[in-house]
Amino acid sequence: MRLLMSAGFMSAAALLSIAFAQNSSRKSEEFRKEFLEKFRRTSLNTTPGDAMMLRILAESSGAKRGIEVGAASGFGAINLGIAFERTGGHLYSMEIDPRRAREARENLAKVGLEKTVTVLEGDALELLPAFDGEVDFLFIDANKSDYLRYLKAIEPKLKKGAVVVADNTIVHAQAMADYLEYVQTSPNYDTVTIRASMEKNDGMTVSYKIR
């Protein structure tokens, strides 16, 4: 009986050890780097250069509570998730398509970021007004003509010092002209358009909330 109990205990301990090792592996820099390099991106995903810029912006600003509008399959969310894991914060990624939302969750779990990034399924124009608490990082990469509506829906909850990033603002500038005019002329923001990747011949507009 004692031998059986001892064997059972050792088996449970061994399983825990294996689970811990697997979890540590998922969170290793090497594993995540390789996973991102082999990621099957689509046209909806952020480019690697832009994704790295997002990671740097979120981490260097010390962001603690961020929102991503448009998760797609989670490539950008993984990069941002790494930043929020390092700052001890949390990212909420919103995706309207159920299949893409499920895929994003699965990819985040594969790299051990399921506790750092929460994928919310639904229309961001409905989710954003209901979001509780302040936000210090916002990344918009969804329906281009709705960019200003996304910003306005969460703007009352943006903290002073919040960073707002809008994707595809060169190629799709006409579709989001109202958004660009707003962030470029509002006294509440310092704004610049940058190009961190030439893959899509596009860029991102970064705004800093100064008041």
N, C-alpha and C. Protein backbone atom coordinates (compact mmCIF):
# COMPACT_ATOMS: atom_id res chain seq x y z
N MET A 1 0.83 -1.20 0.00
CA MET A 1 0.00 0.00 0.00
C MET A 1 0.87 1.25 0.00
N ARG A 2 1.90 1.21 0.87
CA ARG A 2 2.80 2.36 0.94
C ARG A 2 3.55 2.54 -0.37
N LEU A 3 3.91 1.40 -1.00
CA LEU A 3 4.62 1.47 -2.26
C LEU A 3 3.74 2.08 -3.34
N LEU A 4 2.44 1.70 -3.33
CA LEU A 4 1.50 2.24 -4.31
C LEU A 4 1.31 3.73 -4.11
N MET A 5 1.17 4.14 -2.84
CA MET A 5 1.00 5.56 -2.54
C MET A 5 2.23 6.33 -2.96
N SER A 6 3.42 5.73 -2.68
CA SER A 6 4.67 6.40 -3.03
C SER A 6 4.78 6.53 -4.54
N ALA A 7 4.39 5.47 -5.26
CA ALA A 7 4.45 5.50 -6.72
C ALA A 7 3.49 6.54 -7.27
N GLY A 8 2.29 6.59 -6.65
CA GLY A 8 1.30 7.57 -7.08
C GLY A 8 1.78 8.98 -6.85
N PHE A 9 2.42 9.20 -5.70
CA PHE A 9 2.95 10.53 -5.38
C PHE A 9 4.04 10.92 -6.37
N MET A 10 4.93 9.97 -6.66
CA MET A 10 6.01 10.25 -7.60
C MET A 10 5.47 10.54 -8.99
N SER A 11 4.41 9.81 -9.36
CA SER A 11 3.80 10.03 -10.66
C SER A 11 3.21 11.43 -10.76
N ALA A 12 2.52 11.85 -9.70
CA ALA A 12 1.94 13.19 -9.68
C ALA A 12 3.02 14.26 -9.71
N ALA A 13 4.09 14.01 -8.95
CA ALA A 13 5.19 14.96 -8.92
C ALA A 13 5.86 15.05 -10.29
N ALA A 14 5.99 13.89 -10.93
CA ALA A 14 6.60 13.87 -12.26
C ALA A 14 5.76 14.64 -13.26
N LEU A 15 4.44 14.47 -13.17
CA LEU A 15 3.52 15.18 -14.07
C LEU A 15 3.61 16.70 -13.85
N LEU A 16 3.69 17.09 -12.58
CA LEU A 16 3.81 18.51 -12.27
C LEU A 16 5.12 19.06 -12.81
N SER A 17 6.16 18.26 -12.70
CA SER A 17 7.48 18.68 -13.19
C SER A 17 7.45 18.86 -14.70
N ILE A 18 6.80 17.93 -15.39
CA ILE A 18 6.69 18.02 -16.85
C ILE A 18 5.88 19.24 -17.25
N ALA A 19 4.76 19.47 -16.55
CA ALA A 19 3.89 20.62 -16.84
C ALA A 19 4.64 21.92 -16.63
N PHE A 20 5.42 21.98 -15.55
CA PHE A 20 6.21 23.19 -15.27
C PHE A 20 7.24 23.43 -16.36
N ALA A 21 7.90 22.34 -16.78
CA ALA A 21 8.92 22.45 -17.83
C ALA A 21 8.31 22.91 -19.14
N GLN A 22 7.12 22.38 -19.47
CA GLN A 22 6.44 22.77 -20.70
C GLN A 22 6.03 24.23 -20.66
N ASN A 23 5.52 24.66 -19.49
CA ASN A 23 5.10 26.05 -19.34
C ASN A 23 6.29 26.99 -19.45
N SER A 24 7.42 26.61 -18.85
CA SER A 24 8.64 27.42 -18.93
C SER A 24 9.13 27.50 -20.36
N SER A 25 9.01 26.38 -21.09
CA SER A 25 9.45 26.35 -22.48
C SER A 25 8.62 27.30 -23.32
N ARG A 26 7.30 27.31 -23.08
CA ARG A 26 6.41 28.18 -23.85
C ARG A 26 6.75 29.64 -23.64
N LYS A 27 7.28 29.95 -22.46
CA LYS A 27 7.57 31.34 -22.12
C LYS A 27 9.01 31.76 -22.41
N SER A 28 9.81 30.83 -22.91
CA SER A 28 11.20 31.17 -23.17
C SER A 28 11.31 32.10 -24.38
N GLU A 29 12.31 32.97 -24.34
CA GLU A 29 12.51 33.92 -25.45
C GLU A 29 12.78 33.18 -26.75
N GLU A 30 13.55 32.10 -26.67
CA GLU A 30 13.91 31.34 -27.86
C GLU A 30 12.68 30.72 -28.51
N PHE A 31 11.82 30.13 -27.68
CA PHE A 31 10.61 29.48 -28.20
C PHE A 31 9.70 30.51 -28.86
N ARG A 32 9.49 31.63 -28.18
CA ARG A 32 8.60 32.66 -28.72
C ARG A 32 9.16 33.28 -30.00
N LYS A 33 10.45 33.50 -30.03
CA LYS A 33 11.08 34.07 -31.22
C LYS A 33 10.87 33.14 -32.42
N GLU A 34 11.11 31.85 -32.21
CA GLU A 34 10.93 30.88 -33.29
C GLU A 34 9.47 30.78 -33.71
N PHE A 35 8.56 30.83 -32.72
CA PHE A 35 7.12 30.75 -33.01
C PHE A 35 6.69 31.93 -33.87
N LEU A 36 7.16 33.12 -33.54
CA LEU A 36 6.80 34.31 -34.31
C LEU A 36 7.41 34.29 -35.71
N GLU A 37 8.61 33.76 -35.82
CA GLU A 37 9.26 33.68 -37.13
C GLU A 37 8.53 32.71 -38.05
N LYS A 38 7.93 31.67 -37.48
CA LYS A 38 7.22 30.67 -38.28
C LYS A 38 5.72 30.94 -38.35
N PHE A 39 5.26 32.02 -37.75
CA PHE A 39 3.83 32.35 -37.69
C PHE A 39 3.28 32.52 -39.11
N ARG A 40 2.16 31.87 -39.38
CA ARG A 40 1.53 31.99 -40.70
C ARG A 40 0.67 33.24 -40.74
N ARG A 41 1.29 34.33 -41.11
CA ARG A 41 0.59 35.61 -41.14
C ARG A 41 -0.28 35.73 -42.40
N THR A 42 -1.34 36.52 -42.27
CA THR A 42 -2.19 36.86 -43.41
C THR A 42 -2.13 38.36 -43.60
N SER A 43 -2.85 38.87 -44.57
CA SER A 43 -2.86 40.31 -44.83
C SER A 43 -3.46 41.10 -43.67
N LEU A 44 -4.19 40.41 -42.79
CA LEU A 44 -4.80 41.08 -41.64
C LEU A 44 -3.82 41.27 -40.49
N ASN A 45 -2.74 40.51 -40.50
CA ASN A 45 -1.77 40.59 -39.41
C ASN A 45 -0.82 41.78 -39.56
N THR A 46 -0.37 42.30 -38.44
CA THR A 46 0.64 43.33 -38.41
C THR A 46 1.97 42.77 -38.93
N THR A 47 2.76 43.59 -39.60
CA THR A 47 4.06 43.12 -40.07
C THR A 47 5.01 42.95 -38.88
N PRO A 48 6.05 42.12 -39.02
CA PRO A 48 7.00 41.93 -37.92
C PRO A 48 7.64 43.23 -37.44
N GLY A 49 7.99 44.12 -38.39
CA GLY A 49 8.59 45.39 -38.00
C GLY A 49 7.65 46.26 -37.19
N ASP A 50 6.39 46.35 -37.64
CA ASP A 50 5.39 47.14 -36.92
C ASP A 50 5.06 46.50 -35.57
N ALA A 51 5.00 45.16 -35.55
CA ALA A 51 4.71 44.46 -34.30
C ALA A 51 5.80 44.71 -33.26
N MET A 52 7.06 44.74 -33.72
CA MET A 52 8.15 45.01 -32.79
C MET A 52 8.10 46.46 -32.30
N MET A 53 7.72 47.38 -33.18
CA MET A 53 7.56 48.77 -32.75
C MET A 53 6.47 48.89 -31.70
N LEU A 54 5.38 48.17 -31.88
CA LEU A 54 4.30 48.17 -30.89
C LEU A 54 4.81 47.66 -29.55
N ARG A 55 5.58 46.57 -29.60
CA ARG A 55 6.13 46.00 -28.37
C ARG A 55 7.01 47.02 -27.65
N ILE A 56 7.86 47.70 -28.41
CA ILE A 56 8.77 48.69 -27.83
C ILE A 56 7.99 49.87 -27.25
N LEU A 57 6.97 50.34 -27.96
CA LEU A 57 6.17 51.47 -27.49
C LEU A 57 5.44 51.12 -26.19
N ALA A 58 4.87 49.94 -26.14
CA ALA A 58 4.13 49.53 -24.94
C ALA A 58 5.06 49.34 -23.75
N GLU A 59 6.18 48.68 -23.99
CA GLU A 59 7.09 48.40 -22.88
C GLU A 59 7.80 49.65 -22.40
N SER A 60 8.27 50.48 -23.32
CA SER A 60 9.03 51.67 -22.91
C SER A 60 8.14 52.70 -22.21
N SER A 61 6.85 52.68 -22.51
CA SER A 61 5.93 53.60 -21.84
C SER A 61 5.46 53.06 -20.50
N GLY A 62 5.81 51.81 -20.22
CA GLY A 62 5.41 51.20 -18.95
C GLY A 62 3.91 50.92 -18.89
N ALA A 63 3.30 50.70 -20.04
CA ALA A 63 1.85 50.50 -20.10
C ALA A 63 1.41 49.33 -19.22
N LYS A 64 0.30 49.53 -18.53
CA LYS A 64 -0.23 48.52 -17.62
C LYS A 64 -1.58 47.96 -18.06
N ARG A 65 -2.31 48.77 -18.83
CA ARG A 65 -3.66 48.33 -19.22
C ARG A 65 -3.92 48.78 -20.65
N GLY A 66 -3.85 47.83 -21.57
CA GLY A 66 -3.95 48.18 -22.97
C GLY A 66 -5.12 47.51 -23.68
N ILE A 67 -5.47 48.10 -24.81
CA ILE A 67 -6.53 47.55 -25.66
C ILE A 67 -6.03 47.46 -27.09
N GLU A 68 -6.28 46.34 -27.72
CA GLU A 68 -6.02 46.17 -29.14
C GLU A 68 -7.37 46.01 -29.84
N VAL A 69 -7.64 46.84 -30.82
CA VAL A 69 -8.88 46.74 -31.60
C VAL A 69 -8.54 46.03 -32.90
N GLY A 70 -8.91 44.76 -33.00
CA GLY A 70 -8.60 43.97 -34.17
C GLY A 70 -7.49 42.99 -33.90
N ALA A 71 -7.83 41.80 -33.40
CA ALA A 71 -6.81 40.81 -33.02
C ALA A 71 -6.32 39.99 -34.21
N ALA A 72 -7.20 39.79 -35.21
CA ALA A 72 -6.92 38.86 -36.30
C ALA A 72 -6.53 37.51 -35.67
N SER A 73 -5.42 36.90 -36.07
CA SER A 73 -5.05 35.60 -35.51
C SER A 73 -4.05 35.71 -34.36
N GLY A 74 -3.75 36.94 -33.93
CA GLY A 74 -2.98 37.11 -32.70
C GLY A 74 -1.51 37.43 -32.83
N PHE A 75 -1.02 37.70 -34.04
CA PHE A 75 0.40 38.01 -34.19
C PHE A 75 0.78 39.28 -33.43
N GLY A 76 0.00 40.34 -33.61
CA GLY A 76 0.26 41.58 -32.89
C GLY A 76 0.04 41.42 -31.40
N ALA A 77 -0.99 40.66 -31.03
CA ALA A 77 -1.31 40.45 -29.62
C ALA A 77 -0.18 39.72 -28.89
N ILE A 78 0.48 38.80 -29.59
CA ILE A 78 1.62 38.10 -28.97
C ILE A 78 2.75 39.08 -28.70
N ASN A 79 3.08 39.90 -29.69
CA ASN A 79 4.14 40.89 -29.51
C ASN A 79 3.80 41.88 -28.41
N LEU A 80 2.59 42.38 -28.41
CA LEU A 80 2.17 43.28 -27.35
C LEU A 80 2.10 42.55 -26.01
N GLY A 81 1.66 41.29 -26.04
CA GLY A 81 1.56 40.52 -24.81
C GLY A 81 2.90 40.35 -24.12
N ILE A 82 3.95 40.19 -24.91
CA ILE A 82 5.29 40.08 -24.34
C ILE A 82 5.64 41.36 -23.59
N ALA A 83 5.29 42.50 -24.17
CA ALA A 83 5.55 43.79 -23.52
C ALA A 83 4.76 43.92 -22.22
N PHE A 84 3.48 43.56 -22.26
CA PHE A 84 2.64 43.68 -21.07
C PHE A 84 3.03 42.67 -20.00
N GLU A 85 3.54 41.53 -20.39
CA GLU A 85 4.06 40.57 -19.41
C GLU A 85 5.25 41.18 -18.68
N ARG A 86 6.09 41.87 -19.41
CA ARG A 86 7.28 42.49 -18.82
C ARG A 86 6.92 43.67 -17.92
N THR A 87 5.87 44.41 -18.25
CA THR A 87 5.48 45.56 -17.41
C THR A 87 4.57 45.15 -16.26
N GLY A 88 4.14 43.89 -16.27
CA GLY A 88 3.21 43.43 -15.24
C GLY A 88 1.80 43.91 -15.50
N GLY A 89 1.50 44.22 -16.76
CA GLY A 89 0.19 44.73 -17.13
C GLY A 89 -0.67 43.68 -17.81
N HIS A 90 -1.72 44.16 -18.48
CA HIS A 90 -2.66 43.25 -19.15
C HIS A 90 -3.18 43.91 -20.41
N LEU A 91 -3.33 43.09 -21.45
CA LEU A 91 -3.85 43.55 -22.74
C LEU A 91 -5.19 42.89 -23.01
N TYR A 92 -6.14 43.70 -23.47
CA TYR A 92 -7.44 43.20 -23.89
C TYR A 92 -7.53 43.37 -25.41
N SER A 93 -7.62 42.25 -26.12
CA SER A 93 -7.63 42.27 -27.58
C SER A 93 -9.03 41.96 -28.08
N MET A 94 -9.60 42.86 -28.88
CA MET A 94 -10.97 42.72 -29.34
C MET A 94 -11.02 42.25 -30.79
N GLU A 95 -11.84 41.24 -31.04
CA GLU A 95 -11.96 40.67 -32.38
C GLU A 95 -13.42 40.32 -32.67
N ILE A 96 -13.93 40.82 -33.79
CA ILE A 96 -15.35 40.64 -34.12
C ILE A 96 -15.64 39.27 -34.72
N ASP A 97 -14.65 38.66 -35.36
CA ASP A 97 -14.86 37.37 -36.02
C ASP A 97 -14.60 36.21 -35.06
N PRO A 98 -15.60 35.37 -34.79
CA PRO A 98 -15.43 34.27 -33.83
C PRO A 98 -14.29 33.32 -34.16
N ARG A 99 -14.12 33.00 -35.44
CA ARG A 99 -13.05 32.07 -35.82
C ARG A 99 -11.68 32.67 -35.56
N ARG A 100 -11.51 33.95 -35.91
CA ARG A 100 -10.22 34.59 -35.67
C ARG A 100 -9.97 34.78 -34.18
N ALA A 101 -11.03 35.07 -33.42
CA ALA A 101 -10.88 35.23 -31.97
C ALA A 101 -10.40 33.92 -31.34
N ARG A 102 -10.98 32.81 -31.79
CA ARG A 102 -10.57 31.49 -31.27
C ARG A 102 -9.12 31.19 -31.65
N GLU A 103 -8.75 31.52 -32.88
CA GLU A 103 -7.39 31.27 -33.34
C GLU A 103 -6.39 32.12 -32.55
N ALA A 104 -6.76 33.36 -32.27
CA ALA A 104 -5.89 34.24 -31.49
C ALA A 104 -5.67 33.67 -30.10
N ARG A 105 -6.73 33.20 -29.47
CA ARG A 105 -6.61 32.60 -28.12
C ARG A 105 -5.69 31.38 -28.16
N GLU A 106 -5.86 30.55 -29.17
CA GLU A 106 -5.03 29.35 -29.27
C GLU A 106 -3.55 29.71 -29.45
N ASN A 107 -3.27 30.70 -30.29
CA ASN A 107 -1.88 31.10 -30.52
C ASN A 107 -1.26 31.73 -29.27
N LEU A 108 -2.04 32.50 -28.55
CA LEU A 108 -1.55 33.12 -27.32
C LEU A 108 -1.23 32.04 -26.27
N ALA A 109 -2.07 31.02 -26.22
CA ALA A 109 -1.84 29.92 -25.26
C ALA A 109 -0.58 29.15 -25.61
N LYS A 110 -0.29 29.03 -26.90
CA LYS A 110 0.88 28.28 -27.33
C LYS A 110 2.19 28.91 -26.85
N VAL A 111 2.16 30.23 -26.61
CA VAL A 111 3.36 30.91 -26.14
C VAL A 111 3.22 31.37 -24.68
N GLY A 112 2.26 30.81 -23.98
CA GLY A 112 2.12 31.07 -22.54
C GLY A 112 1.68 32.46 -22.18
N LEU A 113 0.90 33.11 -23.05
CA LEU A 113 0.44 34.48 -22.77
C LEU A 113 -1.06 34.56 -22.49
N GLU A 114 -1.69 33.43 -22.26
CA GLU A 114 -3.14 33.42 -22.06
C GLU A 114 -3.58 34.14 -20.78
N LYS A 115 -2.66 34.30 -19.82
CA LYS A 115 -3.01 35.02 -18.59
C LYS A 115 -2.68 36.51 -18.69
N THR A 116 -1.94 36.89 -19.71
CA THR A 116 -1.55 38.29 -19.90
C THR A 116 -2.44 38.99 -20.92
N VAL A 117 -2.97 38.23 -21.87
CA VAL A 117 -3.82 38.79 -22.92
C VAL A 117 -5.18 38.11 -22.90
N THR A 118 -6.23 38.91 -22.82
CA THR A 118 -7.60 38.41 -22.88
C THR A 118 -8.21 38.80 -24.22
N VAL A 119 -8.65 37.83 -24.99
CA VAL A 119 -9.30 38.11 -26.27
C VAL A 119 -10.80 38.23 -26.04
N LEU A 120 -11.34 39.40 -26.35
CA LEU A 120 -12.77 39.66 -26.20
C LEU A 120 -13.43 39.57 -27.57
N GLU A 121 -14.40 38.70 -27.69
CA GLU A 121 -15.09 38.51 -28.97
C GLU A 121 -16.28 39.45 -29.07
N GLY A 122 -16.35 40.21 -30.16
CA GLY A 122 -17.47 41.11 -30.37
C GLY A 122 -17.08 42.36 -31.12
N ASP A 123 -18.05 43.21 -31.39
CA ASP A 123 -17.84 44.47 -32.10
C ASP A 123 -17.21 45.47 -31.13
N ALA A 124 -16.05 45.98 -31.48
CA ALA A 124 -15.34 46.90 -30.60
C ALA A 124 -16.16 48.16 -30.31
N LEU A 125 -17.00 48.57 -31.24
CA LEU A 125 -17.83 49.76 -31.03
C LEU A 125 -18.86 49.52 -29.93
N GLU A 126 -19.13 48.27 -29.62
CA GLU A 126 -20.01 47.93 -28.50
C GLU A 126 -19.20 47.60 -27.24
N LEU A 127 -18.04 46.99 -27.43
CA LEU A 127 -17.22 46.59 -26.29
C LEU A 127 -16.51 47.77 -25.63
N LEU A 128 -16.03 48.72 -26.43
CA LEU A 128 -15.25 49.84 -25.89
C LEU A 128 -16.03 50.72 -24.91
N PRO A 129 -17.26 51.13 -25.22
CA PRO A 129 -17.99 51.99 -24.27
C PRO A 129 -18.26 51.29 -22.93
N ALA A 130 -18.33 49.96 -22.95
CA ALA A 130 -18.62 49.21 -21.74
C ALA A 130 -17.37 48.82 -20.96
N PHE A 131 -16.21 49.17 -21.48
CA PHE A 131 -14.95 48.79 -20.84
C PHE A 131 -14.76 49.58 -19.55
N ASP A 132 -14.45 48.87 -18.47
CA ASP A 132 -14.29 49.51 -17.16
C ASP A 132 -12.83 49.88 -16.89
N GLY A 133 -12.63 51.03 -16.26
CA GLY A 133 -11.30 51.43 -15.83
C GLY A 133 -10.52 52.19 -16.88
N GLU A 134 -9.37 52.73 -16.44
CA GLU A 134 -8.54 53.55 -17.32
C GLU A 134 -7.66 52.69 -18.23
N VAL A 135 -7.25 53.31 -19.32
CA VAL A 135 -6.42 52.65 -20.33
C VAL A 135 -5.22 53.52 -20.61
N ASP A 136 -4.02 52.91 -20.74
CA ASP A 136 -2.83 53.70 -21.04
C ASP A 136 -2.14 53.29 -22.33
N PHE A 137 -2.76 52.35 -23.07
CA PHE A 137 -2.23 51.99 -24.39
C PHE A 137 -3.38 51.53 -25.27
N LEU A 138 -3.41 52.03 -26.50
CA LEU A 138 -4.48 51.67 -27.43
C LEU A 138 -3.88 51.44 -28.81
N PHE A 139 -4.17 50.28 -29.39
CA PHE A 139 -3.73 49.98 -30.75
C PHE A 139 -4.97 49.69 -31.59
N ILE A 140 -5.12 50.45 -32.68
CA ILE A 140 -6.30 50.31 -33.55
C ILE A 140 -5.87 49.74 -34.89
N ASP A 141 -6.46 48.59 -35.24
CA ASP A 141 -6.15 47.94 -36.52
C ASP A 141 -7.37 47.14 -36.95
N ALA A 142 -8.44 47.85 -37.25
CA ALA A 142 -9.70 47.20 -37.64
C ALA A 142 -10.30 47.96 -38.82
N ASN A 143 -11.62 48.11 -38.84
CA ASN A 143 -12.29 48.80 -39.94
C ASN A 143 -11.78 50.23 -40.07
N LYS A 144 -11.15 50.56 -41.18
CA LYS A 144 -10.42 51.82 -41.32
C LYS A 144 -11.31 53.05 -41.16
N SER A 145 -12.51 53.00 -41.71
CA SER A 145 -13.39 54.18 -41.64
C SER A 145 -13.95 54.42 -40.25
N ASP A 146 -13.74 53.46 -39.33
CA ASP A 146 -14.27 53.60 -37.97
C ASP A 146 -13.20 54.00 -36.94
N TYR A 147 -12.01 54.31 -37.40
CA TYR A 147 -10.92 54.61 -36.46
C TYR A 147 -11.30 55.71 -35.46
N LEU A 148 -11.88 56.79 -35.94
CA LEU A 148 -12.25 57.88 -35.03
C LEU A 148 -13.33 57.44 -34.06
N ARG A 149 -14.25 56.61 -34.53
CA ARG A 149 -15.30 56.11 -33.65
C ARG A 149 -14.72 55.22 -32.55
N TYR A 150 -13.72 54.40 -32.90
CA TYR A 150 -13.06 53.58 -31.88
C TYR A 150 -12.40 54.46 -30.83
N LEU A 151 -11.68 55.47 -31.29
CA LEU A 151 -10.98 56.35 -30.35
C LEU A 151 -11.97 57.09 -29.46
N LYS A 152 -13.01 57.64 -30.05
CA LYS A 152 -13.99 58.40 -29.27
C LYS A 152 -14.70 57.52 -28.25
N ALA A 153 -14.88 56.24 -28.58
CA ALA A 153 -15.59 55.32 -27.68
C ALA A 153 -14.82 55.06 -26.40
N ILE A 154 -13.48 55.14 -26.47
CA ILE A 154 -12.66 54.84 -25.29
C ILE A 154 -11.94 56.08 -24.77
N GLU A 155 -11.97 57.16 -25.49
CA GLU A 155 -11.18 58.35 -25.15
C GLU A 155 -11.40 58.86 -23.73
N PRO A 156 -12.63 58.87 -23.20
CA PRO A 156 -12.82 59.33 -21.82
C PRO A 156 -12.05 58.51 -20.79
N LYS A 157 -11.65 57.32 -21.15
CA LYS A 157 -10.94 56.44 -20.21
C LYS A 157 -9.44 56.40 -20.47
N LEU A 158 -8.96 57.15 -21.48
CA LEU A 158 -7.53 57.20 -21.75
C LEU A 158 -6.83 58.08 -20.72
N LYS A 159 -5.84 57.54 -20.07
CA LYS A 159 -5.09 58.30 -19.06
C LYS A 159 -4.20 59.35 -19.72
N LYS A 160 -3.87 60.37 -18.97
CA LYS A 160 -2.84 61.30 -19.42
C LYS A 160 -1.54 60.52 -19.57
N GLY A 161 -0.88 60.68 -20.70
CA GLY A 161 0.33 59.92 -20.95
C GLY A 161 0.07 58.63 -21.71
N ALA A 162 -1.17 58.38 -22.07
CA ALA A 162 -1.50 57.18 -22.83
C ALA A 162 -0.92 57.26 -24.24
N VAL A 163 -0.57 56.11 -24.78
CA VAL A 163 -0.06 56.01 -26.15
C VAL A 163 -1.15 55.39 -27.02
N VAL A 164 -1.44 56.05 -28.14
CA VAL A 164 -2.46 55.57 -29.08
C VAL A 164 -1.78 55.32 -30.43
N VAL A 165 -1.92 54.11 -30.94
CA VAL A 165 -1.29 53.76 -32.22
C VAL A 165 -2.36 53.30 -33.20
N ALA A 166 -2.36 53.90 -34.38
CA ALA A 166 -3.30 53.52 -35.44
C ALA A 166 -2.51 52.93 -36.59
N ASP A 167 -2.91 51.76 -37.07
CA ASP A 167 -2.17 51.07 -38.13
C ASP A 167 -2.71 51.44 -39.52
N ASN A 168 -1.86 51.24 -40.53
CA ASN A 168 -2.23 51.42 -41.94
C ASN A 168 -2.65 52.84 -42.30
N THR A 169 -2.00 53.82 -41.69
CA THR A 169 -2.44 55.21 -41.86
C THR A 169 -1.83 55.93 -43.06
N ILE A 170 -1.00 55.23 -43.83
CA ILE A 170 -0.48 55.83 -45.07
C ILE A 170 -1.31 55.34 -46.25
N VAL A 171 -1.39 54.03 -46.41
CA VAL A 171 -2.15 53.45 -47.53
C VAL A 171 -3.64 53.78 -47.43
N HIS A 172 -4.17 53.77 -46.22
CA HIS A 172 -5.61 54.00 -46.03
C HIS A 172 -5.91 55.38 -45.44
N ALA A 173 -5.06 56.33 -45.70
CA ALA A 173 -5.23 57.67 -45.12
C ALA A 173 -6.58 58.29 -45.47
N GLN A 174 -7.04 58.08 -46.69
CA GLN A 174 -8.30 58.69 -47.10
C GLN A 174 -9.48 58.13 -46.32
N ALA A 175 -9.45 56.82 -46.08
CA ALA A 175 -10.56 56.18 -45.37
C ALA A 175 -10.66 56.63 -43.92
N MET A 176 -9.53 57.07 -43.35
CA MET A 176 -9.52 57.50 -41.95
C MET A 176 -9.12 58.97 -41.82
N ALA A 177 -9.47 59.73 -42.81
CA ALA A 177 -9.09 61.15 -42.84
C ALA A 177 -9.59 61.90 -41.61
N ASP A 178 -10.80 61.57 -41.15
CA ASP A 178 -11.34 62.26 -39.97
C ASP A 178 -10.52 61.94 -38.73
N TYR A 179 -10.07 60.68 -38.60
CA TYR A 179 -9.24 60.29 -37.46
C TYR A 179 -7.92 61.04 -37.48
N LEU A 180 -7.27 61.04 -38.63
CA LEU A 180 -5.95 61.68 -38.74
C LEU A 180 -6.04 63.18 -38.49
N GLU A 181 -7.08 63.80 -39.00
CA GLU A 181 -7.24 65.24 -38.76
C GLU A 181 -7.43 65.50 -37.26
N TYR A 182 -8.20 64.63 -36.61
CA TYR A 182 -8.47 64.82 -35.19
C TYR A 182 -7.21 64.72 -34.35
N VAL A 183 -6.45 63.65 -34.50
CA VAL A 183 -5.27 63.46 -33.64
C VAL A 183 -4.13 64.42 -34.01
N GLN A 184 -4.12 64.91 -35.25
CA GLN A 184 -3.07 65.82 -35.68
C GLN A 184 -3.35 67.28 -35.29
N THR A 185 -4.61 67.59 -35.03
CA THR A 185 -4.97 68.98 -34.71
C THR A 185 -5.44 69.17 -33.27
N SER A 186 -5.80 68.09 -32.59
CA SER A 186 -6.29 68.22 -31.22
C SER A 186 -5.18 68.67 -30.28
N PRO A 187 -5.45 69.62 -29.39
CA PRO A 187 -4.44 70.06 -28.42
C PRO A 187 -4.15 69.00 -27.35
N ASN A 188 -4.91 67.91 -27.38
CA ASN A 188 -4.74 66.85 -26.38
C ASN A 188 -3.69 65.82 -26.77
N TYR A 189 -3.19 65.90 -28.01
CA TYR A 189 -2.27 64.87 -28.48
C TYR A 189 -1.05 65.45 -29.18
N ASP A 190 0.09 64.80 -28.98
CA ASP A 190 1.25 64.97 -29.84
C ASP A 190 1.22 63.77 -30.79
N THR A 191 1.36 64.01 -32.09
CA THR A 191 1.16 62.94 -33.06
C THR A 191 2.22 62.93 -34.14
N VAL A 192 2.64 61.71 -34.54
CA VAL A 192 3.59 61.56 -35.63
C VAL A 192 3.27 60.26 -36.37
N THR A 193 3.50 60.26 -37.68
CA THR A 193 3.33 59.04 -38.47
C THR A 193 4.70 58.45 -38.75
N ILE A 194 4.84 57.16 -38.47
CA ILE A 194 6.13 56.48 -38.63
C ILE A 194 6.00 55.28 -39.57
N ARG A 195 7.13 54.86 -40.11
CA ARG A 195 7.15 53.67 -40.95
C ARG A 195 8.24 52.75 -40.40
N ALA A 196 7.81 51.70 -39.70
CA ALA A 196 8.75 50.77 -39.09
C ALA A 196 8.98 49.54 -39.96
N SER A 197 8.23 49.44 -41.05
CA SER A 197 8.35 48.29 -41.95
C SER A 197 7.99 48.71 -43.36
N MET A 198 8.71 48.16 -44.33
CA MET A 198 8.42 48.43 -45.74
C MET A 198 7.64 47.28 -46.38
N GLU A 199 7.28 46.28 -45.60
CA GLU A 199 6.64 45.08 -46.14
C GLU A 199 5.35 45.41 -46.88
N LYS A 200 4.54 46.30 -46.30
CA LYS A 200 3.28 46.68 -46.93
C LYS A 200 3.32 48.11 -47.49
N ASN A 201 4.51 48.72 -47.45
CA ASN A 201 4.66 50.10 -47.89
C ASN A 201 3.67 51.01 -47.17
N ASP A 202 3.50 50.75 -45.89
CA ASP A 202 2.50 51.46 -45.08
C ASP A 202 3.15 52.00 -43.81
N GLY A 203 2.36 52.50 -42.88
CA GLY A 203 2.91 53.03 -41.63
C GLY A 203 1.88 53.10 -40.53
N MET A 204 2.30 53.60 -39.38
CA MET A 204 1.44 53.74 -38.22
C MET A 204 1.50 55.18 -37.72
N THR A 205 0.38 55.66 -37.19
CA THR A 205 0.35 56.98 -36.59
C THR A 205 0.31 56.83 -35.07
N VAL A 206 1.30 57.42 -34.41
CA VAL A 206 1.45 57.31 -32.96
C VAL A 206 1.08 58.63 -32.31
N SER A 207 0.19 58.57 -31.34
CA SER A 207 -0.24 59.77 -30.60
C SER A 207 0.02 59.60 -29.12
N TYR A 208 0.45 60.67 -28.48
CA TYR A 208 0.72 60.68 -27.04
C TYR A 208 -0.28 61.65 -26.40
N LYS A 209 -1.05 61.16 -25.46
CA LYS A 209 -2.08 62.00 -24.82
C LYS A 209 -1.42 62.89 -23.77
N ILE A 210 -1.37 64.17 -24.06
CA ILE A 210 -0.66 65.09 -23.18
C ILE A 210 -1.54 65.71 -22.11
N ARG A 211 -2.84 65.53 -22.23
CA ARG A 211 -3.74 66.07 -21.20
C ARG A 211 -5.04 65.31 -21.17
